[in-house]
N, C-alpha and C. Protein backbone atom coordinates (compact mmCIF):
# COMPACT_ATOMS: atom_id res chain seq x y z
N MET A 1 20.09 27.11 18.77
CA MET A 1 20.62 25.85 19.28
C MET A 1 21.88 26.09 20.12
N MET A 2 22.74 27.00 19.65
CA MET A 2 23.95 27.32 20.38
C MET A 2 23.62 27.96 21.73
N THR A 3 22.59 28.80 21.77
CA THR A 3 22.18 29.45 23.00
C THR A 3 21.75 28.41 24.03
N ARG A 4 21.02 27.41 23.59
CA ARG A 4 20.56 26.36 24.49
C ARG A 4 21.73 25.61 25.10
N LYS A 5 22.73 25.31 24.27
CA LYS A 5 23.91 24.60 24.77
C LYS A 5 24.66 25.47 25.79
N LEU A 6 24.74 26.75 25.50
CA LEU A 6 25.41 27.67 26.41
C LEU A 6 24.68 27.76 27.74
N ILE A 7 23.37 27.85 27.70
CA ILE A 7 22.57 27.91 28.92
C ILE A 7 22.74 26.63 29.72
N THR A 8 22.72 25.50 29.04
CA THR A 8 22.89 24.21 29.72
C THR A 8 24.27 24.13 30.37
N LEU A 9 25.27 24.58 29.64
CA LEU A 9 26.62 24.57 30.19
C LEU A 9 26.72 25.48 31.41
N MET A 10 26.13 26.66 31.33
CA MET A 10 26.14 27.60 32.46
C MET A 10 25.43 27.00 33.67
N ALA A 11 24.33 26.34 33.43
CA ALA A 11 23.59 25.72 34.53
C ALA A 11 24.41 24.61 35.17
N ALA A 12 25.05 23.81 34.33
CA ALA A 12 25.87 22.71 34.85
C ALA A 12 27.02 23.25 35.69
N VAL A 13 27.65 24.31 35.20
CA VAL A 13 28.75 24.92 35.95
C VAL A 13 28.24 25.50 37.27
N ALA A 14 27.09 26.16 37.24
CA ALA A 14 26.54 26.76 38.46
C ALA A 14 26.25 25.68 39.50
N VAL A 15 25.66 24.58 39.08
CA VAL A 15 25.34 23.49 40.01
C VAL A 15 26.62 22.86 40.53
N SER A 16 27.58 22.63 39.64
CA SER A 16 28.85 22.02 40.06
C SER A 16 29.57 22.90 41.06
N LEU A 17 29.66 24.18 40.76
CA LEU A 17 30.32 25.11 41.68
C LEU A 17 29.54 25.21 42.99
N GLY A 18 28.23 25.19 42.88
CA GLY A 18 27.41 25.25 44.09
C GLY A 18 27.69 24.08 45.01
N GLY A 19 27.84 22.89 44.44
CA GLY A 19 28.17 21.71 45.24
C GLY A 19 29.53 21.84 45.89
N LEU A 20 30.49 22.34 45.13
CA LEU A 20 31.83 22.53 45.65
C LEU A 20 31.84 23.57 46.76
N VAL A 21 31.17 24.67 46.54
CA VAL A 21 31.11 25.73 47.55
C VAL A 21 30.45 25.20 48.81
N TYR A 22 29.38 24.43 48.64
CA TYR A 22 28.68 23.89 49.81
C TYR A 22 29.62 23.00 50.61
N LEU A 23 30.38 22.17 49.92
CA LEU A 23 31.29 21.28 50.62
C LEU A 23 32.36 22.07 51.36
N GLN A 24 32.87 23.12 50.72
CA GLN A 24 33.90 23.92 51.36
C GLN A 24 33.37 24.75 52.50
N ALA A 25 32.09 25.08 52.47
CA ALA A 25 31.51 25.93 53.51
C ALA A 25 31.19 25.17 54.78
N LYS A 26 31.28 23.85 54.75
CA LYS A 26 30.96 23.07 55.93
C LYS A 26 31.98 23.33 57.04
N GLU A 27 31.60 23.03 58.23
CA GLU A 27 32.49 23.20 59.38
C GLU A 27 33.65 22.21 59.29
N PRO A 28 34.72 22.44 60.02
CA PRO A 28 35.87 21.55 60.00
C PRO A 28 35.46 20.11 60.25
N GLY A 29 35.94 19.22 59.40
CA GLY A 29 35.68 17.80 59.59
C GLY A 29 34.35 17.32 59.07
N GLU A 30 33.53 18.19 58.51
CA GLU A 30 32.22 17.75 58.04
C GLU A 30 32.20 17.42 56.56
N HIS A 31 33.36 17.40 55.93
CA HIS A 31 33.42 16.99 54.54
C HIS A 31 34.73 16.27 54.31
N GLY A 32 34.82 15.56 53.22
CA GLY A 32 35.96 14.70 52.96
C GLY A 32 37.23 15.42 52.56
N VAL A 33 37.26 16.72 52.52
CA VAL A 33 38.42 17.45 52.06
C VAL A 33 39.36 17.77 53.22
N LYS A 34 38.93 17.56 54.43
CA LYS A 34 39.73 17.93 55.60
C LYS A 34 41.01 17.09 55.65
N HIS A 35 42.11 17.75 55.95
CA HIS A 35 43.38 17.07 56.14
C HIS A 35 43.64 16.98 57.63
N GLU A 36 44.53 16.06 58.01
CA GLU A 36 44.86 15.95 59.42
C GLU A 36 45.35 17.27 59.98
N HIS A 37 44.85 17.64 61.11
CA HIS A 37 45.25 18.83 61.85
C HIS A 37 44.96 20.14 61.13
N HIS A 38 44.14 20.14 60.11
CA HIS A 38 43.83 21.37 59.38
C HIS A 38 42.33 21.55 59.33
N GLY A 39 41.87 22.77 59.43
CA GLY A 39 40.47 23.11 59.24
C GLY A 39 40.34 23.92 57.96
N PRO A 40 39.14 24.34 57.65
CA PRO A 40 38.99 25.15 56.45
C PRO A 40 39.61 26.52 56.65
N GLY A 41 39.85 27.17 55.59
CA GLY A 41 40.42 28.51 55.66
C GLY A 41 41.78 28.55 55.01
N PRO A 42 42.42 29.69 55.08
CA PRO A 42 43.70 29.85 54.40
C PRO A 42 44.76 28.84 54.83
N GLU A 43 44.80 28.48 56.10
CA GLU A 43 45.79 27.50 56.52
C GLU A 43 45.52 26.15 55.91
N HIS A 44 44.26 25.87 55.57
CA HIS A 44 43.88 24.63 54.92
C HIS A 44 44.54 24.52 53.55
N MET A 45 44.66 25.66 52.87
CA MET A 45 45.22 25.67 51.53
C MET A 45 46.73 25.42 51.54
N MET A 46 47.41 25.90 52.54
CA MET A 46 48.87 25.79 52.53
C MET A 46 49.39 24.85 53.60
N GLY A 47 48.55 24.06 54.20
CA GLY A 47 48.99 23.15 55.25
C GLY A 47 49.10 23.88 56.58
N ASN A 48 49.91 23.36 57.45
CA ASN A 48 50.12 23.97 58.75
C ASN A 48 50.99 25.22 58.58
N PRO A 49 50.47 26.40 58.92
CA PRO A 49 51.24 27.64 58.71
C PRO A 49 52.58 27.64 59.44
N LEU A 50 52.60 27.08 60.66
CA LEU A 50 53.86 27.06 61.41
C LEU A 50 54.89 26.20 60.69
N GLU A 51 54.47 25.05 60.21
CA GLU A 51 55.40 24.18 59.47
C GLU A 51 55.90 24.89 58.21
N HIS A 52 54.99 25.55 57.53
CA HIS A 52 55.35 26.27 56.30
C HIS A 52 56.37 27.38 56.61
N LEU A 53 56.07 28.21 57.60
CA LEU A 53 57.00 29.29 57.97
C LEU A 53 58.33 28.73 58.47
N SER A 54 58.25 27.69 59.27
CA SER A 54 59.45 27.09 59.83
C SER A 54 60.36 26.58 58.73
N LYS A 55 59.78 25.93 57.76
CA LYS A 55 60.55 25.38 56.64
C LYS A 55 61.14 26.50 55.78
N GLU A 56 60.30 27.48 55.42
CA GLU A 56 60.75 28.54 54.52
C GLU A 56 61.72 29.52 55.19
N LEU A 57 61.53 29.77 56.48
CA LEU A 57 62.35 30.76 57.18
C LEU A 57 63.38 30.15 58.13
N ASN A 58 63.37 28.81 58.22
CA ASN A 58 64.29 28.10 59.10
C ASN A 58 64.18 28.63 60.53
N LEU A 59 62.96 28.63 61.06
CA LEU A 59 62.72 29.16 62.41
C LEU A 59 63.39 28.29 63.46
N THR A 60 63.84 28.95 64.52
CA THR A 60 64.40 28.23 65.67
C THR A 60 63.23 27.71 66.51
N ASP A 61 63.53 26.83 67.44
CA ASP A 61 62.48 26.33 68.34
C ASP A 61 61.87 27.47 69.14
N ASP A 62 62.69 28.41 69.57
CA ASP A 62 62.20 29.57 70.33
C ASP A 62 61.24 30.40 69.46
N GLN A 63 61.61 30.62 68.21
CA GLN A 63 60.75 31.37 67.31
C GLN A 63 59.43 30.63 67.06
N LYS A 64 59.51 29.33 66.89
CA LYS A 64 58.29 28.52 66.68
C LYS A 64 57.34 28.68 67.87
N THR A 65 57.91 28.65 69.09
CA THR A 65 57.12 28.79 70.31
C THR A 65 56.41 30.14 70.37
N LYS A 66 57.05 31.18 69.86
CA LYS A 66 56.48 32.52 69.87
C LYS A 66 55.51 32.75 68.72
N VAL A 67 55.75 32.10 67.58
CA VAL A 67 54.91 32.29 66.40
C VAL A 67 53.58 31.53 66.53
N GLN A 68 53.60 30.35 67.12
CA GLN A 68 52.39 29.51 67.18
C GLN A 68 51.20 30.22 67.83
N PRO A 69 51.36 30.92 68.98
CA PRO A 69 50.20 31.61 69.57
C PRO A 69 49.63 32.69 68.66
N ILE A 70 50.48 33.34 67.89
CA ILE A 70 50.01 34.37 66.96
C ILE A 70 49.14 33.72 65.88
N ILE A 71 49.60 32.61 65.36
CA ILE A 71 48.82 31.88 64.35
C ILE A 71 47.51 31.39 64.97
N ASP A 72 47.57 30.86 66.18
CA ASP A 72 46.36 30.36 66.85
C ASP A 72 45.33 31.46 67.06
N GLN A 73 45.80 32.68 67.37
CA GLN A 73 44.87 33.80 67.58
C GLN A 73 44.12 34.19 66.31
N THR A 74 44.77 34.04 65.17
CA THR A 74 44.13 34.46 63.91
C THR A 74 43.20 33.41 63.33
N LYS A 75 43.34 32.16 63.74
CA LYS A 75 42.53 31.08 63.15
C LYS A 75 41.03 31.34 63.21
N PRO A 76 40.46 31.70 64.37
CA PRO A 76 39.01 31.92 64.40
C PRO A 76 38.55 33.03 63.46
N GLN A 77 39.34 34.09 63.38
CA GLN A 77 38.97 35.19 62.47
C GLN A 77 39.05 34.75 61.02
N MET A 78 40.09 34.02 60.68
CA MET A 78 40.25 33.54 59.31
C MET A 78 39.12 32.57 58.95
N GLN A 79 38.78 31.70 59.89
CA GLN A 79 37.70 30.75 59.63
C GLN A 79 36.37 31.48 59.46
N ALA A 80 36.14 32.52 60.25
CA ALA A 80 34.89 33.28 60.14
C ALA A 80 34.81 33.99 58.79
N ILE A 81 35.91 34.57 58.36
CA ILE A 81 35.95 35.24 57.06
C ILE A 81 35.72 34.22 55.94
N HIS A 82 36.37 33.08 56.05
CA HIS A 82 36.21 32.02 55.05
C HIS A 82 34.76 31.53 55.00
N GLN A 83 34.19 31.30 56.17
CA GLN A 83 32.80 30.82 56.26
C GLN A 83 31.84 31.83 55.63
N GLU A 84 32.02 33.10 55.93
CA GLU A 84 31.16 34.15 55.37
C GLU A 84 31.28 34.20 53.85
N ALA A 85 32.51 34.11 53.35
CA ALA A 85 32.72 34.14 51.90
C ALA A 85 32.06 32.94 51.24
N MET A 86 32.17 31.77 51.85
CA MET A 86 31.57 30.57 51.26
C MET A 86 30.04 30.66 51.28
N GLN A 87 29.48 31.23 52.33
CA GLN A 87 28.02 31.41 52.39
C GLN A 87 27.55 32.36 51.30
N LYS A 88 28.29 33.43 51.10
CA LYS A 88 27.94 34.40 50.05
C LYS A 88 28.04 33.76 48.67
N MET A 89 29.10 32.97 48.44
CA MET A 89 29.26 32.28 47.15
C MET A 89 28.11 31.30 46.94
N HIS A 90 27.75 30.57 47.98
CA HIS A 90 26.66 29.60 47.87
C HIS A 90 25.36 30.32 47.52
N ALA A 91 25.07 31.41 48.19
CA ALA A 91 23.85 32.18 47.91
C ALA A 91 23.85 32.71 46.47
N LEU A 92 25.00 33.19 46.02
CA LEU A 92 25.11 33.70 44.66
C LEU A 92 24.87 32.59 43.63
N LEU A 93 25.45 31.43 43.88
CA LEU A 93 25.27 30.33 42.94
C LEU A 93 23.83 29.81 42.95
N GLU A 94 23.21 29.80 44.11
CA GLU A 94 21.80 29.40 44.19
C GLU A 94 20.94 30.37 43.40
N SER A 95 21.22 31.65 43.52
CA SER A 95 20.49 32.68 42.79
C SER A 95 20.70 32.52 41.28
N THR A 96 21.95 32.26 40.90
CA THR A 96 22.27 32.06 39.49
C THR A 96 21.50 30.88 38.92
N THR A 97 21.50 29.78 39.65
CA THR A 97 20.78 28.59 39.20
C THR A 97 19.29 28.87 39.11
N ALA A 98 18.75 29.60 40.08
CA ALA A 98 17.32 29.94 40.07
C ALA A 98 16.96 30.80 38.86
N GLN A 99 17.88 31.64 38.42
CA GLN A 99 17.63 32.47 37.25
C GLN A 99 17.76 31.68 35.95
N ILE A 100 18.67 30.72 35.94
CA ILE A 100 18.90 29.92 34.73
C ILE A 100 17.81 28.87 34.54
N ARG A 101 17.36 28.25 35.62
CA ARG A 101 16.41 27.13 35.53
C ARG A 101 15.18 27.44 34.68
N PRO A 102 14.52 28.60 34.83
CA PRO A 102 13.33 28.86 34.02
C PRO A 102 13.62 28.99 32.51
N LEU A 103 14.88 29.21 32.17
CA LEU A 103 15.25 29.33 30.76
C LEU A 103 15.43 27.98 30.09
N LEU A 104 15.45 26.93 30.89
CA LEU A 104 15.70 25.59 30.38
C LEU A 104 14.41 24.90 29.96
N THR A 105 14.56 23.93 29.08
CA THR A 105 13.42 23.09 28.69
C THR A 105 13.10 22.18 29.86
N PRO A 106 11.92 21.57 29.88
CA PRO A 106 11.61 20.64 30.96
C PRO A 106 12.63 19.51 31.09
N GLN A 107 13.14 19.03 29.97
CA GLN A 107 14.16 17.97 30.02
C GLN A 107 15.44 18.49 30.67
N GLN A 108 15.84 19.69 30.29
CA GLN A 108 17.05 20.28 30.87
C GLN A 108 16.87 20.56 32.35
N GLN A 109 15.68 20.99 32.75
CA GLN A 109 15.41 21.23 34.17
C GLN A 109 15.51 19.93 34.94
N GLN A 110 14.99 18.86 34.35
CA GLN A 110 15.04 17.56 35.00
C GLN A 110 16.50 17.12 35.18
N LYS A 111 17.31 17.32 34.15
CA LYS A 111 18.72 16.96 34.23
C LYS A 111 19.44 17.83 35.27
N LEU A 112 19.12 19.12 35.29
CA LEU A 112 19.70 20.04 36.27
C LEU A 112 19.34 19.58 37.69
N ASP A 113 18.09 19.21 37.90
CA ASP A 113 17.66 18.73 39.21
C ASP A 113 18.40 17.45 39.60
N ALA A 114 18.60 16.57 38.62
CA ALA A 114 19.32 15.32 38.88
C ALA A 114 20.78 15.60 39.24
N MET A 115 21.38 16.57 38.55
CA MET A 115 22.76 16.95 38.85
C MET A 115 22.87 17.51 40.26
N LYS A 116 21.91 18.36 40.61
CA LYS A 116 21.91 18.96 41.94
C LYS A 116 21.74 17.88 43.02
N LYS A 117 20.85 16.92 42.77
CA LYS A 117 20.64 15.82 43.71
C LYS A 117 21.90 14.96 43.83
N ALA A 118 22.57 14.71 42.70
CA ALA A 118 23.80 13.91 42.73
C ALA A 118 24.86 14.59 43.59
N HIS A 119 24.97 15.90 43.47
CA HIS A 119 25.93 16.64 44.30
C HIS A 119 25.55 16.55 45.78
N GLU A 120 24.27 16.66 46.07
CA GLU A 120 23.81 16.56 47.46
C GLU A 120 24.08 15.15 48.01
N ASP A 121 23.81 14.13 47.19
CA ASP A 121 24.07 12.75 47.62
C ASP A 121 25.56 12.53 47.88
N MET A 122 26.40 13.11 47.01
CA MET A 122 27.84 12.97 47.18
C MET A 122 28.27 13.67 48.48
N ARG A 123 27.73 14.85 48.74
CA ARG A 123 28.06 15.57 49.97
C ARG A 123 27.69 14.74 51.19
N LYS A 124 26.49 14.16 51.16
CA LYS A 124 26.04 13.34 52.29
C LYS A 124 26.95 12.12 52.47
N ALA A 125 27.31 11.48 51.36
CA ALA A 125 28.18 10.31 51.44
C ALA A 125 29.54 10.67 52.03
N MET A 126 30.05 11.83 51.64
CA MET A 126 31.34 12.27 52.18
C MET A 126 31.24 12.56 53.67
N GLU A 127 30.13 13.14 54.09
CA GLU A 127 29.92 13.39 55.52
C GLU A 127 29.86 12.08 56.29
N GLU A 128 29.13 11.09 55.74
CA GLU A 128 29.01 9.80 56.40
C GLU A 128 30.36 9.11 56.50
N MET A 129 31.15 9.24 55.43
CA MET A 129 32.47 8.63 55.44
C MET A 129 33.35 9.30 56.51
N GLN A 130 33.26 10.62 56.60
CA GLN A 130 34.03 11.35 57.61
C GLN A 130 33.58 10.95 59.02
N ASP A 131 32.25 10.81 59.22
CA ASP A 131 31.73 10.39 60.52
C ASP A 131 32.21 8.98 60.87
N ALA A 132 32.26 8.10 59.88
CA ALA A 132 32.71 6.72 60.11
C ALA A 132 34.19 6.68 60.52
N LYS A 133 34.97 7.60 60.00
CA LYS A 133 36.39 7.67 60.34
C LYS A 133 36.58 8.07 61.80
N LYS A 134 35.61 8.79 62.35
CA LYS A 134 35.71 9.26 63.74
C LYS A 134 35.47 8.14 64.74
N LEU A 135 34.83 7.07 64.29
CA LEU A 135 34.50 5.96 65.21
C LEU A 135 35.71 5.18 65.64
């Protein structure tokens, strides 16, 4: 009985993380987590890097002007690395769920499928909300 609960918990975690990873792996602005002027990637986690550096290091206007192009040059590389990592995480979680699903009872599989659908529906709703904000 304890094993069944553990498997169910693992499946629920895998599906939940899978949904989260999927949302994070979307392109800038395609999910509800986007902040103004920020895309996914490391700068997304800490806000605007220039503002952060400026505040912490008390940069002059001249320094800000010189630092911004350096930050801008790294953004595409950082986004590509982030995107690749999210794709790998998504694939790993999909594989994990595929391995766990056959171990579940038909009722548990049905619940797992419903959880996965709920996450997909939530992702779609967040995309629609983001698209509506663009209008």
